[in-house]
Amino acid sequence: MRIHRSILLLALASVPFVARAADSPMQPGMWEITMQMQMKGMNMSLPPRTVRRCVTSGELSRPNGDVPVPQGPGNGSMDCKVDDMQRSGNNVHWTMHCTGQGDLQASGRMSYDSPQHYTGQIEMTGNMQGQNIQMTQQMEGRRVGACGS
């Protein structure tokens, strides 16, 4: 399950990055994020996983040249670079390439329907920790209050 944890952490790290890059109305605070991952070749779906993450105003207000790029778990175990990002209204689409623990190609989209809610999807293919990966991850996030609450 270590590989699933790595992918989950990579997806979680993407949230403030994509929000800032889109100049979205996403509000800082405590966000509850539910993710449902499906991996090709598995006969069953993994159960949805819900985590809470504090998104700070600092993460959302960095200048465009200093937008944090999503990283995997640990201290720089994955080095990710955004290849392309496009915005249309409250929708953001991007592609990304990650190396380090593996070699992953990712594409994603996020739709912000309010400052307190978004939905999204990330698709990843490649190799991580010696295993071929082909997965889709559905996400839904909602602001549940201030950080520390």
N, C-alpha and C. Protein backbone atom coordinates (compact mmCIF):
# COMPACT_ATOMS: atom_id res chain seq x y z
N MET A 1 0.81 -1.21 0.00
CA MET A 1 0.00 0.00 0.00
C MET A 1 0.85 1.26 0.00
N ARG A 2 2.15 1.13 0.12
CA ARG A 2 3.02 2.30 0.13
C ARG A 2 2.89 3.11 -1.15
N ILE A 3 2.74 2.43 -2.27
CA ILE A 3 2.60 3.12 -3.55
C ILE A 3 1.30 3.92 -3.58
N HIS A 4 0.22 3.38 -3.01
CA HIS A 4 -1.06 4.10 -2.97
C HIS A 4 -0.92 5.36 -2.11
N ARG A 5 -0.19 5.26 -1.01
CA ARG A 5 0.04 6.41 -0.14
C ARG A 5 0.82 7.49 -0.88
N SER A 6 1.81 7.09 -1.67
CA SER A 6 2.60 8.05 -2.44
C SER A 6 1.73 8.81 -3.43
N ILE A 7 0.86 8.10 -4.11
CA ILE A 7 -0.03 8.74 -5.08
C ILE A 7 -1.02 9.65 -4.39
N LEU A 8 -1.55 9.21 -3.26
CA LEU A 8 -2.48 10.04 -2.48
C LEU A 8 -1.81 11.35 -2.06
N LEU A 9 -0.61 11.28 -1.54
CA LEU A 9 0.09 12.49 -1.10
C LEU A 9 0.40 13.41 -2.27
N LEU A 10 0.72 12.86 -3.42
CA LEU A 10 0.97 13.68 -4.60
C LEU A 10 -0.30 14.42 -5.00
N ALA A 11 -1.44 13.74 -4.96
CA ALA A 11 -2.72 14.39 -5.30
C ALA A 11 -3.06 15.48 -4.29
N LEU A 12 -2.86 15.23 -3.00
CA LEU A 12 -3.15 16.23 -1.98
C LEU A 12 -2.30 17.47 -2.14
N ALA A 13 -1.04 17.29 -2.52
CA ALA A 13 -0.15 18.43 -2.68
C ALA A 13 -0.57 19.32 -3.85
N SER A 14 -1.31 18.76 -4.80
CA SER A 14 -1.72 19.51 -5.98
C SER A 14 -2.76 20.59 -5.70
N VAL A 15 -3.53 20.45 -4.65
CA VAL A 15 -4.70 21.31 -4.44
C VAL A 15 -4.34 22.80 -4.37
N PRO A 16 -3.50 23.28 -3.45
CA PRO A 16 -3.23 24.72 -3.42
C PRO A 16 -2.46 25.18 -4.64
N PHE A 17 -1.64 24.30 -5.21
CA PHE A 17 -0.88 24.63 -6.41
C PHE A 17 -1.83 24.99 -7.55
N VAL A 18 -2.79 24.14 -7.80
CA VAL A 18 -3.74 24.37 -8.88
C VAL A 18 -4.64 25.55 -8.56
N ALA A 19 -5.04 25.69 -7.32
CA ALA A 19 -5.91 26.81 -6.94
C ALA A 19 -5.22 28.13 -7.22
N ARG A 20 -3.97 28.28 -6.83
CA ARG A 20 -3.26 29.54 -7.06
C ARG A 20 -3.02 29.78 -8.53
N ALA A 21 -2.62 28.74 -9.22
CA ALA A 21 -2.33 28.91 -10.64
C ALA A 21 -3.57 29.36 -11.40
N ALA A 22 -4.72 29.03 -10.91
CA ALA A 22 -5.96 29.40 -11.58
C ALA A 22 -6.51 30.72 -11.06
N ASP A 23 -5.84 31.36 -10.09
CA ASP A 23 -6.39 32.54 -9.43
C ASP A 23 -7.81 32.26 -8.99
N SER A 24 -8.02 31.09 -8.45
CA SER A 24 -9.37 30.66 -8.07
C SER A 24 -9.83 31.41 -6.83
N PRO A 25 -11.11 31.34 -6.59
CA PRO A 25 -11.65 31.95 -5.38
C PRO A 25 -11.53 31.04 -4.16
N MET A 26 -10.70 30.00 -4.23
CA MET A 26 -10.56 29.07 -3.11
C MET A 26 -10.13 29.81 -1.86
N GLN A 27 -10.85 29.59 -0.77
CA GLN A 27 -10.55 30.26 0.49
C GLN A 27 -9.54 29.45 1.30
N PRO A 28 -8.63 30.14 1.98
CA PRO A 28 -7.75 29.41 2.89
C PRO A 28 -8.56 28.84 4.04
N GLY A 29 -8.05 27.81 4.65
CA GLY A 29 -8.71 27.21 5.79
C GLY A 29 -8.53 25.71 5.78
N MET A 30 -9.28 25.03 6.63
CA MET A 30 -9.24 23.57 6.71
C MET A 30 -10.14 23.01 5.63
N TRP A 31 -9.56 22.14 4.81
CA TRP A 31 -10.28 21.52 3.72
C TRP A 31 -10.38 20.03 3.97
N GLU A 32 -11.56 19.48 3.73
CA GLU A 32 -11.77 18.05 3.78
C GLU A 32 -11.81 17.56 2.34
N ILE A 33 -10.92 16.63 2.03
CA ILE A 33 -10.76 16.17 0.66
C ILE A 33 -11.03 14.67 0.61
N THR A 34 -11.98 14.28 -0.21
CA THR A 34 -12.32 12.87 -0.38
C THR A 34 -11.83 12.44 -1.76
N MET A 35 -11.09 11.32 -1.77
CA MET A 35 -10.53 10.81 -3.02
C MET A 35 -10.94 9.35 -3.21
N GLN A 36 -11.26 9.03 -4.44
CA GLN A 36 -11.60 7.65 -4.83
C GLN A 36 -10.63 7.27 -5.95
N MET A 37 -9.80 6.27 -5.68
CA MET A 37 -8.79 5.85 -6.65
C MET A 37 -9.20 4.55 -7.31
N GLN A 38 -9.00 4.49 -8.62
CA GLN A 38 -9.22 3.27 -9.37
C GLN A 38 -7.94 2.97 -10.13
N MET A 39 -7.43 1.75 -9.97
CA MET A 39 -6.21 1.35 -10.66
C MET A 39 -6.55 0.28 -11.67
N LYS A 40 -6.04 0.45 -12.89
CA LYS A 40 -6.28 -0.53 -13.94
C LYS A 40 -5.66 -1.86 -13.52
N GLY A 41 -6.38 -2.92 -13.76
CA GLY A 41 -5.90 -4.24 -13.43
C GLY A 41 -6.36 -4.74 -12.07
N MET A 42 -6.94 -3.86 -11.28
CA MET A 42 -7.49 -4.30 -9.99
C MET A 42 -8.96 -4.65 -10.18
N ASN A 43 -9.37 -5.77 -9.65
CA ASN A 43 -10.74 -6.22 -9.80
C ASN A 43 -11.71 -5.54 -8.85
N MET A 44 -11.17 -4.71 -7.96
CA MET A 44 -12.04 -4.03 -7.01
C MET A 44 -11.61 -2.58 -6.90
N SER A 45 -12.53 -1.74 -6.48
CA SER A 45 -12.21 -0.34 -6.23
C SER A 45 -11.68 -0.19 -4.82
N LEU A 46 -10.74 0.68 -4.65
CA LEU A 46 -10.27 0.99 -3.31
C LEU A 46 -11.33 1.86 -2.64
N PRO A 47 -11.50 1.73 -1.34
CA PRO A 47 -12.51 2.55 -0.67
C PRO A 47 -12.13 4.03 -0.72
N PRO A 48 -13.12 4.92 -0.75
CA PRO A 48 -12.81 6.35 -0.73
C PRO A 48 -12.00 6.68 0.52
N ARG A 49 -11.14 7.66 0.40
CA ARG A 49 -10.33 8.10 1.54
C ARG A 49 -10.55 9.59 1.73
N THR A 50 -10.84 9.98 2.96
CA THR A 50 -11.06 11.39 3.29
C THR A 50 -9.97 11.84 4.24
N VAL A 51 -9.36 12.98 3.89
CA VAL A 51 -8.31 13.56 4.73
C VAL A 51 -8.62 15.04 4.91
N ARG A 52 -8.03 15.61 5.93
CA ARG A 52 -8.13 17.05 6.15
C ARG A 52 -6.77 17.67 5.93
N ARG A 53 -6.77 18.85 5.30
CA ARG A 53 -5.53 19.55 5.01
C ARG A 53 -5.75 21.03 5.19
N CYS A 54 -4.82 21.67 5.90
CA CYS A 54 -4.87 23.12 6.07
C CYS A 54 -4.24 23.78 4.85
N VAL A 55 -5.00 24.60 4.16
CA VAL A 55 -4.49 25.37 3.03
C VAL A 55 -4.36 26.81 3.51
N THR A 56 -3.13 27.31 3.53
CA THR A 56 -2.88 28.64 4.08
C THR A 56 -3.03 29.73 3.02
N SER A 57 -3.25 30.95 3.48
CA SER A 57 -3.32 32.08 2.54
C SER A 57 -1.98 32.26 1.85
N GLY A 58 -0.88 31.93 2.52
CA GLY A 58 0.44 32.01 1.90
C GLY A 58 0.56 31.10 0.70
N GLU A 59 0.01 29.89 0.80
CA GLU A 59 0.05 28.97 -0.34
C GLU A 59 -0.77 29.50 -1.51
N LEU A 60 -1.85 30.19 -1.21
CA LEU A 60 -2.74 30.68 -2.26
C LEU A 60 -2.32 32.02 -2.83
N SER A 61 -1.37 32.72 -2.18
CA SER A 61 -1.03 34.07 -2.64
C SER A 61 0.39 34.19 -3.18
N ARG A 62 1.07 33.09 -3.42
CA ARG A 62 2.41 33.17 -3.97
C ARG A 62 2.36 33.74 -5.37
N PRO A 63 3.37 34.54 -5.73
CA PRO A 63 3.41 35.04 -7.11
C PRO A 63 3.53 33.86 -8.09
N ASN A 64 3.06 34.06 -9.31
CA ASN A 64 3.05 32.97 -10.29
C ASN A 64 4.40 32.30 -10.46
N GLY A 65 5.48 33.03 -10.35
CA GLY A 65 6.79 32.43 -10.51
C GLY A 65 7.20 31.57 -9.34
N ASP A 66 6.47 31.64 -8.24
CA ASP A 66 6.83 30.91 -7.03
C ASP A 66 5.73 29.95 -6.61
N VAL A 67 4.98 29.46 -7.59
CA VAL A 67 3.91 28.52 -7.28
C VAL A 67 4.53 27.19 -6.90
N PRO A 68 4.13 26.59 -5.78
CA PRO A 68 4.71 25.30 -5.40
C PRO A 68 4.27 24.20 -6.36
N VAL A 69 5.20 23.37 -6.77
CA VAL A 69 4.89 22.25 -7.63
C VAL A 69 4.62 21.04 -6.75
N PRO A 70 3.56 20.28 -7.03
CA PRO A 70 3.25 19.13 -6.19
C PRO A 70 4.45 18.21 -6.04
N GLN A 71 4.64 17.68 -4.85
CA GLN A 71 5.72 16.76 -4.57
C GLN A 71 5.16 15.50 -3.96
N GLY A 72 5.88 14.42 -4.09
CA GLY A 72 5.50 13.16 -3.47
C GLY A 72 5.87 13.18 -2.00
N PRO A 73 5.73 12.04 -1.35
CA PRO A 73 6.01 11.96 0.08
C PRO A 73 7.51 12.06 0.34
N GLY A 74 7.84 12.44 1.55
CA GLY A 74 9.24 12.48 1.94
C GLY A 74 9.92 13.77 1.51
N ASN A 75 11.19 13.82 1.67
CA ASN A 75 11.97 15.02 1.36
C ASN A 75 12.44 14.97 -0.07
N GLY A 76 11.59 15.43 -0.98
CA GLY A 76 11.97 15.50 -2.37
C GLY A 76 12.07 14.16 -3.06
N SER A 77 11.29 13.16 -2.63
CA SER A 77 11.36 11.84 -3.24
C SER A 77 10.80 11.83 -4.66
N MET A 78 9.98 12.81 -4.99
CA MET A 78 9.47 12.98 -6.35
C MET A 78 9.72 14.42 -6.77
N ASP A 79 10.22 14.58 -7.98
CA ASP A 79 10.44 15.91 -8.54
C ASP A 79 9.45 16.08 -9.68
N CYS A 80 8.49 16.98 -9.50
CA CYS A 80 7.41 17.16 -10.48
C CYS A 80 7.51 18.50 -11.16
N LYS A 81 7.28 18.50 -12.46
CA LYS A 81 7.30 19.72 -13.26
C LYS A 81 6.00 19.79 -14.06
N VAL A 82 5.38 20.96 -14.03
CA VAL A 82 4.17 21.17 -14.82
C VAL A 82 4.58 21.46 -16.26
N ASP A 83 4.02 20.68 -17.18
CA ASP A 83 4.32 20.87 -18.59
C ASP A 83 3.40 21.89 -19.23
N ASP A 84 2.14 21.91 -18.79
CA ASP A 84 1.15 22.79 -19.41
C ASP A 84 0.02 23.01 -18.41
N MET A 85 -0.51 24.23 -18.40
CA MET A 85 -1.66 24.53 -17.55
C MET A 85 -2.54 25.52 -18.31
N GLN A 86 -3.84 25.23 -18.31
CA GLN A 86 -4.79 26.11 -18.98
C GLN A 86 -5.97 26.35 -18.06
N ARG A 87 -6.48 27.57 -18.13
CA ARG A 87 -7.63 27.95 -17.32
C ARG A 87 -8.75 28.46 -18.21
N SER A 88 -9.96 28.06 -17.89
CA SER A 88 -11.14 28.56 -18.56
C SER A 88 -12.20 28.76 -17.49
N GLY A 89 -12.45 30.02 -17.13
CA GLY A 89 -13.39 30.31 -16.06
C GLY A 89 -12.89 29.74 -14.75
N ASN A 90 -13.71 28.93 -14.09
CA ASN A 90 -13.33 28.30 -12.82
C ASN A 90 -12.81 26.88 -13.01
N ASN A 91 -12.41 26.55 -14.23
CA ASN A 91 -11.88 25.22 -14.54
C ASN A 91 -10.40 25.33 -14.89
N VAL A 92 -9.63 24.37 -14.40
CA VAL A 92 -8.20 24.32 -14.66
C VAL A 92 -7.85 22.94 -15.18
N HIS A 93 -7.04 22.89 -16.22
CA HIS A 93 -6.53 21.63 -16.77
C HIS A 93 -5.00 21.73 -16.78
N TRP A 94 -4.31 20.65 -16.43
CA TRP A 94 -2.86 20.68 -16.44
C TRP A 94 -2.29 19.30 -16.76
N THR A 95 -1.02 19.30 -17.21
CA THR A 95 -0.26 18.07 -17.35
C THR A 95 1.04 18.25 -16.57
N MET A 96 1.55 17.13 -16.07
CA MET A 96 2.70 17.18 -15.20
C MET A 96 3.52 15.91 -15.42
N HIS A 97 4.85 16.02 -15.21
CA HIS A 97 5.75 14.88 -15.31
C HIS A 97 6.54 14.81 -14.01
N CYS A 98 6.56 13.64 -13.36
CA CYS A 98 7.26 13.45 -12.09
C CYS A 98 8.32 12.38 -12.24
N THR A 99 9.49 12.64 -11.68
CA THR A 99 10.58 11.67 -11.66
C THR A 99 11.09 11.56 -10.23
N GLY A 100 11.89 10.57 -9.97
CA GLY A 100 12.46 10.36 -8.63
C GLY A 100 12.24 8.93 -8.23
N GLN A 101 11.21 8.68 -7.42
CA GLN A 101 10.84 7.31 -7.04
C GLN A 101 10.31 6.53 -8.22
N GLY A 102 10.01 7.24 -9.28
CA GLY A 102 9.47 6.61 -10.47
C GLY A 102 9.43 7.62 -11.60
N ASP A 103 8.70 7.28 -12.63
CA ASP A 103 8.54 8.16 -13.78
C ASP A 103 7.05 8.17 -14.10
N LEU A 104 6.36 9.27 -13.77
CA LEU A 104 4.91 9.36 -13.92
C LEU A 104 4.52 10.52 -14.82
N GLN A 105 3.54 10.30 -15.65
CA GLN A 105 2.89 11.34 -16.42
C GLN A 105 1.52 11.52 -15.79
N ALA A 106 1.12 12.76 -15.58
CA ALA A 106 -0.19 13.01 -14.97
C ALA A 106 -0.90 14.11 -15.73
N SER A 107 -2.21 13.99 -15.78
CA SER A 107 -3.04 15.08 -16.29
C SER A 107 -4.20 15.21 -15.32
N GLY A 108 -4.65 16.42 -15.17
CA GLY A 108 -5.72 16.63 -14.21
C GLY A 108 -6.61 17.79 -14.59
N ARG A 109 -7.72 17.85 -13.89
CA ARG A 109 -8.64 18.97 -14.06
C ARG A 109 -9.32 19.22 -12.72
N MET A 110 -9.58 20.48 -12.45
CA MET A 110 -10.29 20.90 -11.24
C MET A 110 -11.35 21.89 -11.66
N SER A 111 -12.51 21.80 -11.02
CA SER A 111 -13.60 22.75 -11.23
C SER A 111 -13.99 23.32 -9.87
N TYR A 112 -13.88 24.63 -9.74
CA TYR A 112 -14.22 25.33 -8.50
C TYR A 112 -15.61 25.93 -8.67
N ASP A 113 -16.61 25.32 -8.01
CA ASP A 113 -17.96 25.85 -8.17
C ASP A 113 -18.29 26.89 -7.10
N SER A 114 -17.41 27.06 -6.10
CA SER A 114 -17.55 28.12 -5.11
C SER A 114 -16.21 28.25 -4.39
N PRO A 115 -16.02 29.29 -3.58
CA PRO A 115 -14.78 29.41 -2.81
C PRO A 115 -14.62 28.31 -1.76
N GLN A 116 -15.68 27.54 -1.50
CA GLN A 116 -15.64 26.49 -0.48
C GLN A 116 -15.78 25.07 -1.03
N HIS A 117 -15.76 24.89 -2.36
CA HIS A 117 -15.99 23.56 -2.91
C HIS A 117 -15.35 23.41 -4.29
N TYR A 118 -14.78 22.22 -4.53
CA TYR A 118 -14.27 21.89 -5.85
C TYR A 118 -14.42 20.39 -6.10
N THR A 119 -14.36 20.01 -7.37
CA THR A 119 -14.28 18.61 -7.78
C THR A 119 -13.14 18.51 -8.77
N GLY A 120 -12.58 17.33 -8.90
CA GLY A 120 -11.47 17.16 -9.83
C GLY A 120 -11.18 15.71 -10.12
N GLN A 121 -10.26 15.55 -11.06
CA GLN A 121 -9.83 14.22 -11.46
C GLN A 121 -8.37 14.30 -11.88
N ILE A 122 -7.59 13.30 -11.47
CA ILE A 122 -6.20 13.19 -11.89
C ILE A 122 -6.02 11.80 -12.49
N GLU A 123 -5.38 11.74 -13.66
CA GLU A 123 -5.04 10.48 -14.29
C GLU A 123 -3.52 10.37 -14.33
N MET A 124 -2.98 9.23 -13.88
CA MET A 124 -1.54 9.02 -13.86
C MET A 124 -1.20 7.71 -14.56
N THR A 125 -0.11 7.75 -15.30
CA THR A 125 0.44 6.54 -15.91
C THR A 125 1.95 6.58 -15.74
N GLY A 126 2.56 5.42 -15.71
CA GLY A 126 4.02 5.35 -15.62
C GLY A 126 4.47 4.23 -14.72
N ASN A 127 5.61 4.46 -14.08
CA ASN A 127 6.23 3.46 -13.23
C ASN A 127 6.59 4.11 -11.91
N MET A 128 6.25 3.45 -10.80
CA MET A 128 6.60 3.96 -9.47
C MET A 128 7.06 2.79 -8.62
N GLN A 129 8.24 2.91 -8.04
CA GLN A 129 8.81 1.87 -7.19
C GLN A 129 8.81 0.52 -7.90
N GLY A 130 9.12 0.53 -9.20
CA GLY A 130 9.22 -0.70 -9.98
C GLY A 130 7.90 -1.29 -10.43
N GLN A 131 6.79 -0.61 -10.19
CA GLN A 131 5.47 -1.11 -10.59
C GLN A 131 4.86 -0.20 -11.64
N ASN A 132 4.25 -0.82 -12.66
CA ASN A 132 3.53 -0.03 -13.66
C ASN A 132 2.25 0.50 -13.03
N ILE A 133 1.97 1.76 -13.29
CA ILE A 133 0.81 2.43 -12.71
C ILE A 133 -0.07 2.96 -13.84
N GLN A 134 -1.35 2.72 -13.71
CA GLN A 134 -2.35 3.37 -14.57
C GLN A 134 -3.57 3.56 -13.68
N MET A 135 -3.79 4.78 -13.25
CA MET A 135 -4.86 5.03 -12.28
C MET A 135 -5.59 6.33 -12.57
N THR A 136 -6.80 6.36 -12.05
CA THR A 136 -7.63 7.56 -12.10
C THR A 136 -8.07 7.86 -10.67
N GLN A 137 -7.99 9.13 -10.31
CA GLN A 137 -8.38 9.52 -8.96
C GLN A 137 -9.40 10.65 -9.05
N GLN A 138 -10.58 10.40 -8.50
CA GLN A 138 -11.63 11.42 -8.40
C GLN A 138 -11.46 12.13 -7.06
N MET A 139 -11.62 13.45 -7.05
CA MET A 139 -11.47 14.22 -5.81
C MET A 139 -12.65 15.16 -5.63
N GLU A 140 -12.98 15.38 -4.39
CA GLU A 140 -13.94 16.43 -4.02
C GLU A 140 -13.44 17.07 -2.74
N GLY A 141 -13.38 18.39 -2.75
CA GLY A 141 -12.92 19.10 -1.58
C GLY A 141 -13.95 20.12 -1.13
N ARG A 142 -14.01 20.27 0.19
CA ARG A 142 -14.90 21.31 0.74
C ARG A 142 -14.23 21.92 1.95
N ARG A 143 -14.38 23.21 2.07
CA ARG A 143 -13.82 23.94 3.21
C ARG A 143 -14.72 23.67 4.41
N VAL A 144 -14.09 23.27 5.53
CA VAL A 144 -14.88 22.91 6.71
C VAL A 144 -14.64 23.87 7.86
N GLY A 145 -13.82 24.90 7.68
CA GLY A 145 -13.60 25.86 8.75
C GLY A 145 -12.20 26.43 8.70
N ALA A 146 -11.83 27.08 9.76
CA ALA A 146 -10.49 27.66 9.87
C ALA A 146 -9.49 26.56 10.21
N CYS A 147 -8.22 26.77 9.88
CA CYS A 147 -7.19 25.82 10.26
C CYS A 147 -7.13 25.75 11.79
N GLY A 148 -6.90 24.57 12.29
CA GLY A 148 -6.82 24.37 13.73
C GLY A 148 -8.16 24.13 14.38
N SER A 149 -9.23 24.11 13.57
CA SER A 149 -10.57 23.89 14.19
C SER A 149 -10.98 22.45 14.08
